[in-house]
PDB file of N, CA and C in Angstrom:
ATOM      1  N   UNK A   1       0.645  -1.157   0.052  1.00  0.00           N
ATOM      2  CA  UNK A   1      -0.017  -0.051  -0.087  1.00  0.00           C
ATOM      3  C   UNK A   1       0.808   1.302   0.077  1.00  0.00           C
ATOM      4  N   UNK A   2       0.550   2.197  -0.769  1.00  0.00           N
ATOM      5  CA  UNK A   2       1.516   3.609  -0.820  1.00  0.00           C
ATOM      6  C   UNK A   2       0.605   4.430  -0.211  1.00  0.00           C
ATOM      7  N   UNK A   3       1.462   5.494   0.229  1.00  0.00           N
ATOM      8  CA  UNK A   3       0.770   6.542   1.387  1.00  0.00           C
ATOM      9  C   UNK A   3      -0.161   7.323   0.174  1.00  0.00           C
ATOM     10  N   UNK A   4      -1.174   7.906   0.330  1.00  0.00           N
ATOM     11  CA  UNK A   4      -1.897   9.052  -0.418  1.00  0.00           C
ATOM     12  C   UNK A   4      -1.761  10.300   0.360  1.00  0.00           C
ATOM     13  N   UNK A   5      -1.089  11.237  -0.565  1.00  0.00           N
ATOM     14  CA  UNK A   5      -0.636  12.276  -0.278  1.00  0.00           C
ATOM     15  C   UNK A   5      -1.940  13.294  -0.365  1.00  0.00           C
ATOM     16  N   UNK A   6      -3.207  12.988  -0.127  1.00  0.00           N
ATOM     17  CA  UNK A   6      -4.686  13.761  -0.050  1.00  0.00           C
ATOM     18  C   UNK A   6      -5.313  13.729   0.960  1.00  0.00           C
ATOM     19  N   UNK A   7      -6.165  14.563   1.289  1.00  0.00           N
ATOM     20  CA  UNK A   7      -7.299  14.341   2.094  1.00  0.00           C
ATOM     21  C   UNK A   7      -8.116  13.447   1.906  1.00  0.00           C
ATOM     22  N   UNK A   8      -8.606  12.739   3.018  1.00  0.00           N
ATOM     23  CA  UNK A   8      -9.313  11.369   3.106  1.00  0.00           C
ATOM     24  C   UNK A   8     -10.577  11.648   3.907  1.00  0.00           C
ATOM     25  N   UNK A   9     -11.785  11.293   3.513  1.00  0.00           N
ATOM     26  CA  UNK A   9     -12.722  10.939   4.488  1.00  0.00           C
ATOM     27  C   UNK A   9     -13.253   9.525   4.555  1.00  0.00           C
ATOM     28  N   UNK A  10     -13.245   8.993   5.423  1.00  0.00           N
ATOM     29  CA  UNK A  10     -13.633   7.428   5.767  1.00  0.00           C
ATOM     30  C   UNK A  10     -12.702   6.584   4.997  1.00  0.00           C
ATOM     31  N   UNK A  11     -13.005   5.340   5.010  1.00  0.00           N
ATOM     32  CA  UNK A  11     -12.103   4.207   4.372  1.00  0.00           C
ATOM     33  C   UNK A  11     -11.010   3.808   5.390  1.00  0.00           C
ATOM     34  N   UNK A  12      -9.995   3.881   5.001  1.00  0.00           N
ATOM     35  CA  UNK A  12      -8.833   3.646   5.717  1.00  0.00           C
ATOM     36  C   UNK A  12      -7.734   4.782   6.026  1.00  0.00           C
ATOM     37  N   UNK A  13      -7.165   5.139   6.980  1.00  0.00           N
ATOM     38  CA  UNK A  13      -6.226   6.180   6.818  1.00  0.00           C
ATOM     39  C   UNK A  13      -4.990   5.630   6.124  1.00  0.00           C
ATOM     40  N   UNK A  14      -4.073   6.488   5.744  1.00  0.00           N
ATOM     41  CA  UNK A  14      -2.613   6.325   4.708  1.00  0.00           C
ATOM     42  C   UNK A  14      -1.637   6.810   5.643  1.00  0.00           C
ATOM     43  N   UNK A  15      -0.797   6.045   6.318  1.00  0.00           N
ATOM     44  CA  UNK A  15      -0.028   6.154   7.017  1.00  0.00           C
ATOM     45  C   UNK A  15       1.286   6.439   6.395  1.00  0.00           C
ATOM     46  N   UNK A  16       2.053   7.635   6.785  1.00  0.00           N
ATOM     47  CA  UNK A  16       3.557   7.747   6.062  1.00  0.00           C
ATOM     48  C   UNK A  16       4.398   6.640   6.534  1.00  0.00           C
ATOM     49  N   UNK A  17       4.356   6.509   7.925  1.00  0.00           N
ATOM     50  CA  UNK A  17       5.325   5.410   8.864  1.00  0.00           C
ATOM     51  C   UNK A  17       4.238   4.194   9.050  1.00  0.00           C
ATOM     52  N   UNK A  18       4.893   3.384   9.782  1.00  0.00           N
ATOM     53  CA  UNK A  18       3.798   2.192  10.635  1.00  0.00           C
ATOM     54  C   UNK A  18       2.820   2.717  11.171  1.00  0.00           C
ATOM     55  N   UNK A  19       1.470   2.356  10.879  1.00  0.00           N
ATOM     56  CA  UNK A  19       0.504   3.156  11.724  1.00  0.00           C
ATOM     57  C   UNK A  19      -0.070   2.586  12.895  1.00  0.00           C
ATOM     58  N   UNK A  20      -0.769   3.387  13.718  1.00  0.00           N
ATOM     59  CA  UNK A  20      -1.202   3.035  14.924  1.00  0.00           C
ATOM     60  C   UNK A  20      -2.513   3.222  15.093  1.00  0.00           C
ATOM     61  N   UNK A  21      -3.447   2.321  15.290  1.00  0.00           N
ATOM     62  CA  UNK A  21      -4.648   2.539  15.305  1.00  0.00           C
ATOM     63  C   UNK A  21      -5.285   2.542  16.780  1.00  0.00           C
ATOM     64  N   UNK A  22      -6.256   3.429  17.166  1.00  0.00           N
ATOM     65  CA  UNK A  22      -6.643   3.504  18.643  1.00  0.00           C
ATOM     66  C   UNK A  22      -7.064   2.136  19.131  1.00  0.00           C
ATOM     67  N   UNK A  23      -7.191   1.806  20.432  1.00  0.00           N
ATOM     68  CA  UNK A  23      -7.876   0.562  20.689  1.00  0.00           C
ATOM     69  C   UNK A  23      -9.299   1.028  21.098  1.00  0.00           C
ATOM     70  N   UNK A  24     -10.058   0.050  20.951  1.00  0.00           N
ATOM     71  CA  UNK A  24     -11.467  -0.104  21.507  1.00  0.00           C
ATOM     72  C   UNK A  24     -12.393  -0.059  20.163  1.00  0.00           C
ATOM     73  N   UNK A  25     -13.547   0.734  20.214  1.00  0.00           N
ATOM     74  CA  UNK A  25     -14.347   0.997  19.192  1.00  0.00           C
ATOM     75  C   UNK A  25     -14.264   2.036  18.010  1.00  0.00           C
ATOM     76  N   UNK A  26     -13.070   2.610  18.020  1.00  0.00           N
ATOM     77  CA  UNK A  26     -12.910   3.750  17.119  1.00  0.00           C
ATOM     78  C   UNK A  26     -12.957   3.529  15.637  1.00  0.00           C
ATOM     79  N   UNK A  27     -13.482   4.224  14.926  1.00  0.00           N
ATOM     80  CA  UNK A  27     -13.427   4.329  13.513  1.00  0.00           C
ATOM     81  C   UNK A  27     -13.134   5.395  12.938  1.00  0.00           C
ATOM     82  N   UNK A  28     -12.125   5.311  11.866  1.00  0.00           N
ATOM     83  CA  UNK A  28     -11.458   6.367  11.042  1.00  0.00           C
ATOM     84  C   UNK A  28     -12.511   6.945  10.503  1.00  0.00           C
ATOM     85  N   UNK A  29     -12.408   8.610  10.549  1.00  0.00           N
ATOM     86  CA  UNK A  29     -13.277   9.429  10.310  1.00  0.00           C
ATOM     87  C   UNK A  29     -12.779   9.979   8.874  1.00  0.00           C
ATOM     88  N   UNK A  30     -11.695  10.917   9.294  1.00  0.00           N
ATOM     89  CA  UNK A  30     -10.838  11.738   8.073  1.00  0.00           C
ATOM     90  C   UNK A  30      -9.744  12.167   8.338  1.00  0.00           C
ATOM     91  N   UNK A  31      -8.824  12.397   7.285  1.00  0.00           N
ATOM     92  CA  UNK A  31      -7.582  12.577   7.490  1.00  0.00           C
ATOM     93  C   UNK A  31      -7.138  13.985   6.743  1.00  0.00           C
ATOM     94  N   UNK A  32      -6.428  14.631   7.330  1.00  0.00           N
ATOM     95  CA  UNK A  32      -6.116  16.035   6.789  1.00  0.00           C
ATOM     96  C   UNK A  32      -4.306  15.882   6.457  1.00  0.00           C
ATOM     97  N   UNK A  33      -3.858  16.000   5.295  1.00  0.00           N
ATOM     98  CA  UNK A  33      -2.811  15.929   4.873  1.00  0.00           C
ATOM     99  C   UNK A  33      -1.887  17.273   4.605  1.00  0.00           C
ATOM    100  N   UNK A  34      -0.701  17.297   4.707  1.00  0.00           N
ATOM    101  CA  UNK A  34       0.057  18.629   4.231  1.00  0.00           C
ATOM    102  C   UNK A  34      -0.303  18.652   2.929  1.00  0.00           C
ATOM    103  N   UNK A  35      -0.534  20.251   2.485  1.00  0.00           N
ATOM    104  CA  UNK A  35      -1.115  20.776   1.196  1.00  0.00           C
ATOM    105  C   UNK A  35      -0.538  22.195   0.929  1.00  0.00           C
ATOM    106  N   UNK A  36       0.375  22.086  -0.046  1.00  0.00           N
ATOM    107  CA  UNK A  36       1.023  23.256  -0.530  1.00  0.00           C
ATOM    108  C   UNK A  36       0.217  24.195  -1.030  1.00  0.00           C
ATOM    109  N   UNK A  37      -1.005  23.927  -1.577  1.00  0.00           N
ATOM    110  CA  UNK A  37      -1.813  24.891  -2.065  1.00  0.00           C
ATOM    111  C   UNK A  37      -2.378  25.890  -1.020  1.00  0.00           C
ATOM    112  N   UNK A  38      -2.589  25.295   0.284  1.00  0.00           N
ATOM    113  CA  UNK A  38      -3.087  26.205   1.306  1.00  0.00           C
ATOM    114  C   UNK A  38      -2.050  26.449   2.178  1.00  0.00           C
ATOM    115  N   UNK A  39      -0.787  26.348   1.981  1.00  0.00           N
ATOM    116  CA  UNK A  39       0.311  26.617   2.884  1.00  0.00           C
ATOM    117  C   UNK A  39       0.203  25.795   4.149  1.00  0.00           C
ATOM    118  N   UNK A  40      -0.311  24.664   4.456  1.00  0.00           N
ATOM    119  CA  UNK A  40      -0.245  23.688   5.364  1.00  0.00           C
ATOM    120  C   UNK A  40       0.770  22.720   5.458  1.00  0.00           C
ATOM    121  N   UNK A  41       1.646  22.564   6.603  1.00  0.00           N
ATOM    122  CA  UNK A  41       2.645  21.708   6.671  1.00  0.00           C
ATOM    123  C   UNK A  41       2.360  20.938   7.949  1.00  0.00           C
ATOM    124  N   UNK A  42       1.665  19.731   7.966  1.00  0.00           N
ATOM    125  CA  UNK A  42       1.788  18.899   9.128  1.00  0.00           C
ATOM    126  C   UNK A  42       3.111  18.322   9.724  1.00  0.00           C
ATOM    127  N   UNK A  43       3.827  18.834  10.590  1.00  0.00           N
ATOM    128  CA  UNK A  43       5.027  18.825  11.045  1.00  0.00           C
ATOM    129  C   UNK A  43       6.022  18.469  10.019  1.00  0.00           C
ATOM    130  N   UNK A  44       6.201  17.504   9.337  1.00  0.00           N
ATOM    131  CA  UNK A  44       7.094  17.201   8.156  1.00  0.00           C
ATOM    132  C   UNK A  44       6.516  16.688   7.231  1.00  0.00           C
ATOM    133  N   UNK A  45       5.525  17.098   6.381  1.00  0.00           N
ATOM    134  CA  UNK A  45       5.010  16.670   5.133  1.00  0.00           C
ATOM    135  C   UNK A  45       4.241  15.533   5.599  1.00  0.00           C
ATOM    136  N   UNK A  46       3.449  15.518   6.549  1.00  0.00           N
ATOM    137  CA  UNK A  46       2.849  14.553   7.203  1.00  0.00           C
ATOM    138  C   UNK A  46       1.192  14.692   7.221  1.00  0.00           C
ATOM    139  N   UNK A  47       0.434  14.049   7.990  1.00  0.00           N
ATOM    140  CA  UNK A  47      -0.830  14.054   8.264  1.00  0.00           C
ATOM    141  C   UNK A  47      -1.482  13.861   9.582  1.00  0.00           C
ATOM    142  N   UNK A  48      -2.840  14.388   9.713  1.00  0.00           N
ATOM    143  CA  UNK A  48      -3.557  14.357  10.791  1.00  0.00           C
ATOM    144  C   UNK A  48      -4.469  13.280  10.642  1.00  0.00           C
ATOM    145  N   UNK A  49      -4.814  12.077  11.402  1.00  0.00           N
ATOM    146  CA  UNK A  49      -5.915  11.063  11.348  1.00  0.00           C
ATOM    147  C   UNK A  49      -6.983  11.194  12.514  1.00  0.00           C
ATOM    148  N   UNK A  50      -8.123  11.348  12.325  1.00  0.00           N
ATOM    149  CA  UNK A  50      -9.155  11.487  13.213  1.00  0.00           C
ATOM    150  C   UNK A  50     -10.071  10.342  13.239  1.00  0.00           C
ATOM    151  N   UNK A  51     -10.212   9.753  14.628  1.00  0.00           N
ATOM    152  CA  UNK A  51     -11.122   8.570  14.944  1.00  0.00           C
ATOM    153  C   UNK A  51     -12.188   9.097  15.927  1.00  0.00           C
ATOM    154  N   UNK A  52     -13.381   8.561  15.823  1.00  0.00           N
ATOM    155  CA  UNK A  52     -14.410   8.826  16.751  1.00  0.00           C
ATOM    156  C   UNK A  52     -14.968   7.395  17.180  1.00  0.00           C
ATOM    157  N   UNK A  53     -15.202   7.395  18.572  1.00  0.00           N
ATOM    158  CA  UNK A  53     -15.490   6.112  19.263  1.00  0.00           C
ATOM    159  C   UNK A  53     -17.361   6.108  18.984  1.00  0.00           C
ATOM    160  N   UNK A  54     -17.445   4.860  18.390  1.00  0.00           N
ATOM    161  CA  UNK A  54     -18.874   4.483  18.195  1.00  0.00           C
ATOM    162  C   UNK A  54     -19.921   4.665  19.347  1.00  0.00           C
ATOM    163  N   UNK A  55     -19.415   4.436  20.363  1.00  0.00           N
ATOM    164  CA  UNK A  55     -20.347   4.250  21.615  1.00  0.00           C
ATOM    165  C   UNK A  55     -20.179   5.546  22.429  1.00  0.00           C
ATOM    166  N   UNK A  56     -18.951   6.224  23.057  1.00  0.00           N
ATOM    167  CA  UNK A  56     -18.807   7.221  23.640  1.00  0.00           C
ATOM    168  C   UNK A  56     -19.048   8.965  23.012  1.00  0.00           C
ATOM    169  N   UNK A  57     -18.581   8.465  21.678  1.00  0.00           N
ATOM    170  CA  UNK A  57     -18.560   9.798  20.803  1.00  0.00           C
ATOM    171  C   UNK A  57     -17.295  10.738  21.135  1.00  0.00           C
ATOM    172  N   UNK A  58     -16.300  10.123  21.846  1.00  0.00           N
ATOM    173  CA  UNK A  58     -14.963  10.536  21.911  1.00  0.00           C
ATOM    174  C   UNK A  58     -14.553  10.492  20.547  1.00  0.00           C
ATOM    175  N   UNK A  59     -13.496  11.699  20.412  1.00  0.00           N
ATOM    176  CA  UNK A  59     -12.638  11.717  19.359  1.00  0.00           C
ATOM    177  C   UNK A  59     -11.236  11.571  20.030  1.00  0.00           C
ATOM    178  N   UNK A  60     -10.348  11.005  19.011  1.00  0.00           N
ATOM    179  CA  UNK A  60      -8.765  10.959  19.132  1.00  0.00           C
ATOM    180  C   UNK A  60      -8.029  11.183  17.895  1.00  0.00           C
ATOM    181  N   UNK A  61      -6.992  11.688  17.935  1.00  0.00           N
ATOM    182  CA  UNK A  61      -6.184  12.267  16.602  1.00  0.00           C
ATOM    183  C   UNK A  61      -4.681  11.534  16.657  1.00  0.00           C
ATOM    184  N   UNK A  62      -4.465  11.280  15.572  1.00  0.00           N
ATOM    185  CA  UNK A  62      -3.069  10.456  15.626  1.00  0.00           C
ATOM    186  C   UNK A  62      -2.451  11.375  14.322  1.00  0.00           C
ATOM    187  N   UNK A  63      -1.121  11.952  14.796  1.00  0.00           N
ATOM    188  CA  UNK A  63      -0.058  12.481  13.550  1.00  0.00           C
ATOM    189  C   UNK A  63       0.830  11.510  13.310  1.00  0.00           C
ATOM    190  N   UNK A  64       1.314  11.925  11.967  1.00  0.00           N
ATOM    191  CA  UNK A  64       2.165  10.717  11.051  1.00  0.00           C
ATOM    192  C   UNK A  64       2.794  11.616  10.122  1.00  0.00           C
ATOM    193  N   UNK A  65       4.330  11.636  10.276  1.00  0.00           N
ATOM    194  CA  UNK A  65       5.044  12.297   9.568  1.00  0.00           C
ATOM    195  C   UNK A  65       6.627  11.645   9.234  1.00  0.00           C
ATOM    196  N   UNK A  66       7.107  12.020   8.053  1.00  0.00           N
ATOM    197  CA  UNK A  66       8.369  11.481   7.865  1.00  0.00           C
ATOM    198  C   UNK A  66       9.645  11.861   8.849  1.00  0.00           C
TER     199      UNK A  66
END
């Protein structure tokens, strides 16, 4: 699988490095990646991945970069 350098909604996250998914009933919701058009750099050309718990409604974020 290759890393998708784009924003994503749903499906599966696209990690730069080996990914870590949260424990429990969290489902992947969306990914925001570095984007030169809007001058956004997530750490070092990376991404932010957001998950939401199906039962509690809590959110968690994971950041991934080179």
